[in-house]
Amino acid sequence: IRNLAMTHLGPPMVDILSNMPPAEVAEYDHKH
């Protein structure tokens, strides 16, 4: 039986990115 591993790491990262205020989004884009 197989599935894609470690996908549980995704939702917390999505939550963090989704809740970033505009200023932090701009800073993120500048750094990346």
PDB file of all heavy atoms in Angstrom:
ATOM      1  N   ILE A   1       0.869  -1.174   0.000  1.00  0.00           N
ATOM      2  CA  ILE A   1       0.000   0.000   0.000  1.00  0.00           C
ATOM      3  C   ILE A   1       0.906   1.225   0.000  1.00  0.00           C
ATOM      4  O   ILE A   1       1.828   1.319   0.807  1.00  0.00           O
ATOM      5  CB  ILE A   1      -0.903   0.016   1.247  1.00  0.00           C
ATOM      6  CG1 ILE A   1      -1.672  -1.301   1.361  1.00  0.00           C
ATOM      7  CG2 ILE A   1      -1.858   1.203   1.216  1.00  0.00           C
ATOM      8  CD1 ILE A   1      -2.260  -1.535   2.748  1.00  0.00           C
ATOM      9  N   ARG A   2       0.639   2.172  -0.896  1.00  0.00           N
ATOM     10  CA  ARG A   2       1.507   3.346  -1.008  1.00  0.00           C
ATOM     11  C   ARG A   2       0.675   4.631  -1.097  1.00  0.00           C
ATOM     12  O   ARG A   2      -0.455   4.625  -1.571  1.00  0.00           O
ATOM     13  CB  ARG A   2       2.382   3.244  -2.257  1.00  0.00           C
ATOM     14  CG  ARG A   2       3.433   2.150  -2.194  1.00  0.00           C
ATOM     15  CD  ARG A   2       4.516   2.493  -1.187  1.00  0.00           C
ATOM     16  NE  ARG A   2       5.567   1.486  -1.155  1.00  0.00           N
ATOM     17  CZ  ARG A   2       5.592   0.456  -0.340  1.00  0.00           C
ATOM     18  NH1 ARG A   2       4.610   0.289   0.537  1.00  0.00           N
ATOM     19  NH2 ARG A   2       6.587  -0.409  -0.372  1.00  0.00           N
ATOM     20  N   ASN A   3       1.279   5.729  -0.655  1.00  0.00           N
ATOM     21  CA  ASN A   3       0.728   7.063  -0.910  1.00  0.00           C
ATOM     22  C   ASN A   3       1.888   8.055  -0.950  1.00  0.00           C
ATOM     23  O   ASN A   3       3.036   7.703  -0.676  1.00  0.00           O
ATOM     24  CB  ASN A   3      -0.323   7.455   0.136  1.00  0.00           C
ATOM     25  CG  ASN A   3       0.263   7.568   1.529  1.00  0.00           C
ATOM     26  OD1 ASN A   3       1.422   7.214   1.768  1.00  0.00           O
ATOM     27  ND2 ASN A   3      -0.514   8.065   2.460  1.00  0.00           N
ATOM     28  N   LEU A   4       1.580   9.285  -1.326  1.00  0.00           N
ATOM     29  CA  LEU A   4       2.610  10.318  -1.393  1.00  0.00           C
ATOM     30  C   LEU A   4       3.022  10.693   0.022  1.00  0.00           C
ATOM     31  O   LEU A   4       2.181  11.016   0.858  1.00  0.00           O
ATOM     32  CB  LEU A   4       2.080  11.541  -2.137  1.00  0.00           C
ATOM     33  CG  LEU A   4       3.098  12.611  -2.517  1.00  0.00           C
ATOM     34  CD1 LEU A   4       4.102  12.071  -3.530  1.00  0.00           C
ATOM     35  CD2 LEU A   4       2.383  13.828  -3.085  1.00  0.00           C
ATOM     36  N   ALA A   5       4.314  10.652   0.289  1.00  0.00           N
ATOM     37  CA  ALA A   5       4.810  10.838   1.650  1.00  0.00           C
ATOM     38  C   ALA A   5       4.888  12.303   2.044  1.00  0.00           C
ATOM     39  O   ALA A   5       5.062  13.191   1.207  1.00  0.00           O
ATOM     40  CB  ALA A   5       6.194  10.195   1.784  1.00  0.00           C
ATOM     41  N   MET A   6       4.752  12.557   3.330  1.00  0.00           N
ATOM     42  CA  MET A   6       5.055  13.831   3.988  1.00  0.00           C
ATOM     43  C   MET A   6       4.143  14.984   3.562  1.00  0.00           C
ATOM     44  O   MET A   6       4.471  16.142   3.769  1.00  0.00           O
ATOM     45  CB  MET A   6       6.530  14.213   3.759  1.00  0.00           C
ATOM     46  CG  MET A   6       7.496  13.145   4.234  1.00  0.00           C
ATOM     47  SD  MET A   6       9.234  13.522   3.922  1.00  0.00           S
ATOM     48  CE  MET A   6       9.532  14.754   5.183  1.00  0.00           C
ATOM     49  N   THR A   7       2.987  14.693   2.993  1.00  0.00           N
ATOM     50  CA  THR A   7       2.083  15.777   2.600  1.00  0.00           C
ATOM     51  C   THR A   7       1.472  16.483   3.810  1.00  0.00           C
ATOM     52  O   THR A   7       0.916  17.577   3.665  1.00  0.00           O
ATOM     53  CB  THR A   7       0.951  15.243   1.705  1.00  0.00           C
ATOM     54  OG1 THR A   7       0.297  14.152   2.367  1.00  0.00           O
ATOM     55  CG2 THR A   7       1.496  14.766   0.364  1.00  0.00           C
ATOM     56  N   HIS A   8       1.581  15.868   4.984  1.00  0.00           N
ATOM     57  CA  HIS A   8       1.072  16.532   6.190  1.00  0.00           C
ATOM     58  C   HIS A   8       1.826  17.829   6.489  1.00  0.00           C
ATOM     59  O   HIS A   8       1.338  18.675   7.248  1.00  0.00           O
ATOM     60  CB  HIS A   8       1.179  15.588   7.390  1.00  0.00           C
ATOM     61  CG  HIS A   8       2.598  15.256   7.772  1.00  0.00           C
ATOM     62  ND1 HIS A   8       3.365  14.347   7.078  1.00  0.00           N
ATOM     63  CD2 HIS A   8       3.394  15.750   8.758  1.00  0.00           C
ATOM     64  CE1 HIS A   8       4.569  14.275   7.619  1.00  0.00           C
ATOM     65  NE2 HIS A   8       4.615  15.108   8.638  1.00  0.00           N
ATOM     66  N   LEU A   9       3.014  17.990   5.900  1.00  0.00           N
ATOM     67  CA  LEU A   9       3.782  19.219   6.110  1.00  0.00           C
ATOM     68  C   LEU A   9       3.195  20.396   5.340  1.00  0.00           C
ATOM     69  O   LEU A   9       3.478  21.554   5.665  1.00  0.00           O
ATOM     70  CB  LEU A   9       5.237  18.992   5.666  1.00  0.00           C
ATOM     71  CG  LEU A   9       6.014  17.901   6.407  1.00  0.00           C
ATOM     72  CD1 LEU A   9       7.390  17.732   5.776  1.00  0.00           C
ATOM     73  CD2 LEU A   9       6.131  18.224   7.886  1.00  0.00           C
ATOM     74  N   GLY A  10       2.386  20.119   4.321  1.00  0.00           N
ATOM     75  CA  GLY A  10       1.873  21.174   3.474  1.00  0.00           C
ATOM     76  C   GLY A  10       0.851  22.099   4.114  1.00  0.00           C
ATOM     77  O   GLY A  10       1.018  23.335   4.068  1.00  0.00           O
ATOM     78  N   PRO A  11      -0.221  21.571   4.714  1.00  0.00           N
ATOM     79  CA  PRO A  11      -1.276  22.447   5.255  1.00  0.00           C
ATOM     80  C   PRO A  11      -0.790  23.496   6.247  1.00  0.00           C
ATOM     81  O   PRO A  11      -1.223  24.662   6.158  1.00  0.00           O
ATOM     82  CB  PRO A  11      -2.254  21.454   5.893  1.00  0.00           C
ATOM     83  CG  PRO A  11      -2.102  20.225   5.062  1.00  0.00           C
ATOM     84  CD  PRO A  11      -0.645  20.150   4.731  1.00  0.00           C
ATOM     85  N   PRO A  12       0.101  23.183   7.207  1.00  0.00           N
ATOM     86  CA  PRO A  12       0.587  24.254   8.094  1.00  0.00           C
ATOM     87  C   PRO A  12       1.312  25.365   7.339  1.00  0.00           C
ATOM     88  O   PRO A  12       1.163  26.554   7.667  1.00  0.00           O
ATOM     89  CB  PRO A  12       1.543  23.518   9.042  1.00  0.00           C
ATOM     90  CG  PRO A  12       1.110  22.100   9.016  1.00  0.00           C
ATOM     91  CD  PRO A  12       0.640  21.865   7.619  1.00  0.00           C
ATOM     92  N   MET A  13       2.070  24.993   6.303  1.00  0.00           N
ATOM     93  CA  MET A  13       2.774  26.002   5.511  1.00  0.00           C
ATOM     94  C   MET A  13       1.785  26.840   4.705  1.00  0.00           C
ATOM     95  O   MET A  13       1.951  28.054   4.560  1.00  0.00           O
ATOM     96  CB  MET A  13       3.779  25.317   4.585  1.00  0.00           C
ATOM     97  CG  MET A  13       4.868  24.548   5.323  1.00  0.00           C
ATOM     98  SD  MET A  13       5.811  23.426   4.258  1.00  0.00           S
ATOM     99  CE  MET A  13       6.709  24.590   3.244  1.00  0.00           C
ATOM    100  N   VAL A  14       0.740  26.204   4.200  1.00  0.00           N
ATOM    101  CA  VAL A  14      -0.301  26.933   3.469  1.00  0.00           C
ATOM    102  C   VAL A  14      -0.996  27.922   4.397  1.00  0.00           C
ATOM    103  O   VAL A  14      -1.271  29.070   4.017  1.00  0.00           O
ATOM    104  CB  VAL A  14      -1.322  25.953   2.852  1.00  0.00           C
ATOM    105  CG1 VAL A  14      -2.576  26.692   2.372  1.00  0.00           C
ATOM    106  CG2 VAL A  14      -0.687  25.181   1.693  1.00  0.00           C
ATOM    107  N   ASP A  15      -1.284  27.498   5.631  1.00  0.00           N
ATOM    108  CA  ASP A  15      -1.936  28.392   6.598  1.00  0.00           C
ATOM    109  C   ASP A  15      -1.083  29.617   6.888  1.00  0.00           C
ATOM    110  O   ASP A  15      -1.594  30.749   6.940  1.00  0.00           O
ATOM    111  CB  ASP A  15      -2.220  27.636   7.897  1.00  0.00           C
ATOM    112  CG  ASP A  15      -3.365  26.642   7.756  1.00  0.00           C
ATOM    113  OD1 ASP A  15      -4.132  26.772   6.786  1.00  0.00           O
ATOM    114  OD2 ASP A  15      -3.481  25.743   8.610  1.00  0.00           O
ATOM    115  N   ILE A  16       0.209  29.404   7.077  1.00  0.00           N
ATOM    116  CA  ILE A  16       1.116  30.525   7.364  1.00  0.00           C
ATOM    117  C   ILE A  16       1.131  31.508   6.204  1.00  0.00           C
ATOM    118  O   ILE A  16       0.985  32.724   6.381  1.00  0.00           O
ATOM    119  CB  ILE A  16       2.532  30.002   7.663  1.00  0.00           C
ATOM    120  CG1 ILE A  16       2.552  29.225   8.987  1.00  0.00           C
ATOM    121  CG2 ILE A  16       3.530  31.160   7.713  1.00  0.00           C
ATOM    122  CD1 ILE A  16       3.863  28.500   9.255  1.00  0.00           C
ATOM    123  N   LEU A  17       1.289  30.983   4.976  1.00  0.00           N
ATOM    124  CA  LEU A  17       1.360  31.851   3.808  1.00  0.00           C
ATOM    125  C   LEU A  17       0.029  32.545   3.537  1.00  0.00           C
ATOM    126  O   LEU A  17      -0.009  33.715   3.147  1.00  0.00           O
ATOM    127  CB  LEU A  17       1.785  31.042   2.584  1.00  0.00           C
ATOM    128  CG  LEU A  17       3.236  30.547   2.569  1.00  0.00           C
ATOM    129  CD1 LEU A  17       3.455  29.558   1.437  1.00  0.00           C
ATOM    130  CD2 LEU A  17       4.201  31.723   2.432  1.00  0.00           C
ATOM    131  N   SER A  18      -1.069  31.834   3.768  1.00  0.00           N
ATOM    132  CA  SER A  18      -2.392  32.410   3.491  1.00  0.00           C
ATOM    133  C   SER A  18      -2.725  33.561   4.426  1.00  0.00           C
ATOM    134  O   SER A  18      -3.497  34.464   4.058  1.00  0.00           O
ATOM    135  CB  SER A  18      -3.472  31.326   3.607  1.00  0.00           C
ATOM    136  OG  SER A  18      -3.257  30.297   2.677  1.00  0.00           O
ATOM    137  N   ASN A  19      -2.164  33.532   5.626  1.00  0.00           N
ATOM    138  CA  ASN A  19      -2.499  34.539   6.634  1.00  0.00           C
ATOM    139  C   ASN A  19      -1.477  35.664   6.736  1.00  0.00           C
ATOM    140  O   ASN A  19      -1.536  36.482   7.653  1.00  0.00           O
ATOM    141  CB  ASN A  19      -2.671  33.865   7.997  1.00  0.00           C
ATOM    142  CG  ASN A  19      -3.889  32.949   8.030  1.00  0.00           C
ATOM    143  OD1 ASN A  19      -4.976  33.347   7.610  1.00  0.00           O
ATOM    144  ND2 ASN A  19      -3.717  31.726   8.505  1.00  0.00           N
ATOM    145  N   MET A  20      -0.544  35.716   5.807  1.00  0.00           N
ATOM    146  CA  MET A  20       0.436  36.796   5.817  1.00  0.00           C
ATOM    147  C   MET A  20      -0.219  38.126   5.447  1.00  0.00           C
ATOM    148  O   MET A  20      -0.942  38.199   4.447  1.00  0.00           O
ATOM    149  CB  MET A  20       1.563  36.513   4.813  1.00  0.00           C
ATOM    150  CG  MET A  20       2.672  35.619   5.325  1.00  0.00           C
ATOM    151  SD  MET A  20       4.015  35.533   4.093  1.00  0.00           S
ATOM    152  CE  MET A  20       5.183  34.510   5.002  1.00  0.00           C
ATOM    153  N   PRO A  21       0.023  39.184   6.194  1.00  0.00           N
ATOM    154  CA  PRO A  21      -0.474  40.508   5.805  1.00  0.00           C
ATOM    155  C   PRO A  21       0.287  41.012   4.576  1.00  0.00           C
ATOM    156  O   PRO A  21       1.381  40.523   4.272  1.00  0.00           O
ATOM    157  CB  PRO A  21      -0.189  41.371   7.035  1.00  0.00           C
ATOM    158  CG  PRO A  21       0.892  40.659   7.767  1.00  0.00           C
ATOM    159  CD  PRO A  21       0.721  39.203   7.498  1.00  0.00           C
ATOM    160  N   PRO A  22      -0.278  41.983   3.860  1.00  0.00           N
ATOM    161  CA  PRO A  22       0.352  42.472   2.624  1.00  0.00           C
ATOM    162  C   PRO A  22       1.810  42.889   2.782  1.00  0.00           C
ATOM    163  O   PRO A  22       2.620  42.638   1.885  1.00  0.00           O
ATOM    164  CB  PRO A  22      -0.528  43.665   2.245  1.00  0.00           C
ATOM    165  CG  PRO A  22      -1.870  43.342   2.827  1.00  0.00           C
ATOM    166  CD  PRO A  22      -1.584  42.628   4.113  1.00  0.00           C
ATOM    167  N   ALA A  23       2.151  43.513   3.892  1.00  0.00           N
ATOM    168  CA  ALA A  23       3.536  43.955   4.077  1.00  0.00           C
ATOM    169  C   ALA A  23       4.484  42.757   4.121  1.00  0.00           C
ATOM    170  O   ALA A  23       5.585  42.796   3.560  1.00  0.00           O
ATOM    171  CB  ALA A  23       3.659  44.778   5.359  1.00  0.00           C
ATOM    172  N   GLU A  24       4.064  41.680   4.773  1.00  0.00           N
ATOM    173  CA  GLU A  24       4.903  40.488   4.858  1.00  0.00           C
ATOM    174  C   GLU A  24       4.977  39.778   3.506  1.00  0.00           C
ATOM    175  O   GLU A  24       6.010  39.193   3.164  1.00  0.00           O
ATOM    176  CB  GLU A  24       4.376  39.544   5.936  1.00  0.00           C
ATOM    177  CG  GLU A  24       4.570  40.057   7.355  1.00  0.00           C
ATOM    178  CD  GLU A  24       4.173  39.027   8.397  1.00  0.00           C
ATOM    179  OE1 GLU A  24       4.012  37.847   8.042  1.00  0.00           O
ATOM    180  OE2 GLU A  24       4.027  39.424   9.578  1.00  0.00           O
ATOM    181  N   VAL A  25       3.888  39.838   2.749  1.00  0.00           N
ATOM    182  CA  VAL A  25       3.903  39.253   1.411  1.00  0.00           C
ATOM    183  C   VAL A  25       4.920  39.986   0.535  1.00  0.00           C
ATOM    184  O   VAL A  25       5.701  39.362  -0.188  1.00  0.00           O
ATOM    185  CB  VAL A  25       2.499  39.314   0.769  1.00  0.00           C
ATOM    186  CG1 VAL A  25       2.565  38.915  -0.716  1.00  0.00           C
ATOM    187  CG2 VAL A  25       1.531  38.404   1.519  1.00  0.00           C
ATOM    188  N   ALA A  26       4.920  41.301   0.630  1.00  0.00           N
ATOM    189  CA  ALA A  26       5.883  42.092  -0.150  1.00  0.00           C
ATOM    190  C   ALA A  26       7.311  41.762   0.249  1.00  0.00           C
ATOM    191  O   ALA A  26       8.204  41.650  -0.608  1.00  0.00           O
ATOM    192  CB  ALA A  26       5.588  43.576   0.041  1.00  0.00           C
ATOM    193  N   GLU A  27       7.535  41.620   1.539  1.00  0.00           N
ATOM    194  CA  GLU A  27       8.875  41.269   2.016  1.00  0.00           C
ATOM    195  C   GLU A  27       9.270  39.869   1.542  1.00  0.00           C
ATOM    196  O   GLU A  27      10.423  39.636   1.158  1.00  0.00           O
ATOM    197  CB  GLU A  27       8.912  41.334   3.542  1.00  0.00           C
ATOM    198  CG  GLU A  27      10.289  41.063   4.130  1.00  0.00           C
ATOM    199  CD  GLU A  27      10.311  41.136   5.649  1.00  0.00           C
ATOM    200  OE1 GLU A  27       9.253  41.459   6.257  1.00  0.00           O
ATOM    201  OE2 GLU A  27      11.380  40.861   6.234  1.00  0.00           O
ATOM    202  N   TYR A  28       8.309  38.957   1.581  1.00  0.00           N
ATOM    203  CA  TYR A  28       8.566  37.582   1.109  1.00  0.00           C
ATOM    204  C   TYR A  28       8.966  37.599  -0.361  1.00  0.00           C
ATOM    205  O   TYR A  28       9.939  36.951  -0.762  1.00  0.00           O
ATOM    206  CB  TYR A  28       7.311  36.730   1.311  1.00  0.00           C
ATOM    207  CG  TYR A  28       7.497  35.271   0.953  1.00  0.00           C
ATOM    208  CD1 TYR A  28       7.774  34.330   1.940  1.00  0.00           C
ATOM    209  CD2 TYR A  28       7.396  34.823  -0.369  1.00  0.00           C
ATOM    210  CE1 TYR A  28       7.943  32.989   1.615  1.00  0.00           C
ATOM    211  CE2 TYR A  28       7.579  33.496  -0.698  1.00  0.00           C
ATOM    212  CZ  TYR A  28       7.843  32.574   0.303  1.00  0.00           C
ATOM    213  OH  TYR A  28       8.027  31.252  -0.014  1.00  0.00           O
ATOM    214  N   ASP A  29       8.218  38.347  -1.174  1.00  0.00           N
ATOM    215  CA  ASP A  29       8.516  38.417  -2.604  1.00  0.00           C
ATOM    216  C   ASP A  29       9.895  39.024  -2.855  1.00  0.00           C
ATOM    217  O   ASP A  29      10.599  38.613  -3.783  1.00  0.00           O
ATOM    218  CB  ASP A  29       7.449  39.238  -3.322  1.00  0.00           C
ATOM    219  CG  ASP A  29       6.116  38.498  -3.422  1.00  0.00           C
ATOM    220  OD1 ASP A  29       6.099  37.273  -3.217  1.00  0.00           O
ATOM    221  OD2 ASP A  29       5.095  39.161  -3.696  1.00  0.00           O
ATOM    222  N   HIS A  30      10.281  39.992  -2.013  1.00  0.00           N
ATOM    223  CA  HIS A  30      11.601  40.620  -2.160  1.00  0.00           C
ATOM    224  C   HIS A  30      12.712  39.615  -1.856  1.00  0.00           C
ATOM    225  O   HIS A  30      13.749  39.607  -2.535  1.00  0.00           O
ATOM    226  CB  HIS A  30      11.700  41.824  -1.234  1.00  0.00           C
ATOM    227  CG  HIS A  30      13.033  42.509  -1.286  1.00  0.00           C
ATOM    228  ND1 HIS A  30      13.444  43.272  -2.371  1.00  0.00           N
ATOM    229  CD2 HIS A  30      14.071  42.537  -0.387  1.00  0.00           C
ATOM    230  CE1 HIS A  30      14.661  43.725  -2.145  1.00  0.00           C
ATOM    231  NE2 HIS A  30      15.064  43.296  -0.961  1.00  0.00           N
ATOM    232  N   LYS A  31      12.482  38.774  -0.866  1.00  0.00           N
ATOM    233  CA  LYS A  31      13.499  37.797  -0.467  1.00  0.00           C
ATOM    234  C   LYS A  31      13.524  36.565  -1.380  1.00  0.00           C
ATOM    235  O   LYS A  31      14.516  35.849  -1.423  1.00  0.00           O
ATOM    236  CB  LYS A  31      13.258  37.349   0.979  1.00  0.00           C
ATOM    237  CG  LYS A  31      13.520  38.424   2.019  1.00  0.00           C
ATOM    238  CD  LYS A  31      13.271  37.883   3.422  1.00  0.00           C
ATOM    239  CE  LYS A  31      13.594  38.927   4.481  1.00  0.00           C
ATOM    240  NZ  LYS A  31      13.323  38.419   5.859  1.00  0.00           N
ATOM    241  N   HIS A  32      12.418  36.310  -2.064  1.00  0.00           N
ATOM    242  CA  HIS A  32      12.321  35.109  -2.909  1.00  0.00           C
ATOM    243  C   HIS A  32      11.894  35.509  -4.323  1.00  0.00           C
ATOM    244  O   HIS A  32      10.766  35.209  -4.753  1.00  0.00           O
ATOM    245  CB  HIS A  32      11.320  34.110  -2.320  1.00  0.00           C
ATOM    246  CG  HIS A  32      11.600  33.722  -0.912  1.00  0.00           C
ATOM    247  ND1 HIS A  32      11.109  34.432   0.170  1.00  0.00           N
ATOM    248  CD2 HIS A  32      12.342  32.703  -0.391  1.00  0.00           C
ATOM    249  CE1 HIS A  32      11.513  33.858   1.284  1.00  0.00           C
ATOM    250  NE2 HIS A  32      12.270  32.819   0.976  1.00  0.00           N
TER     251      HIS A  32
END
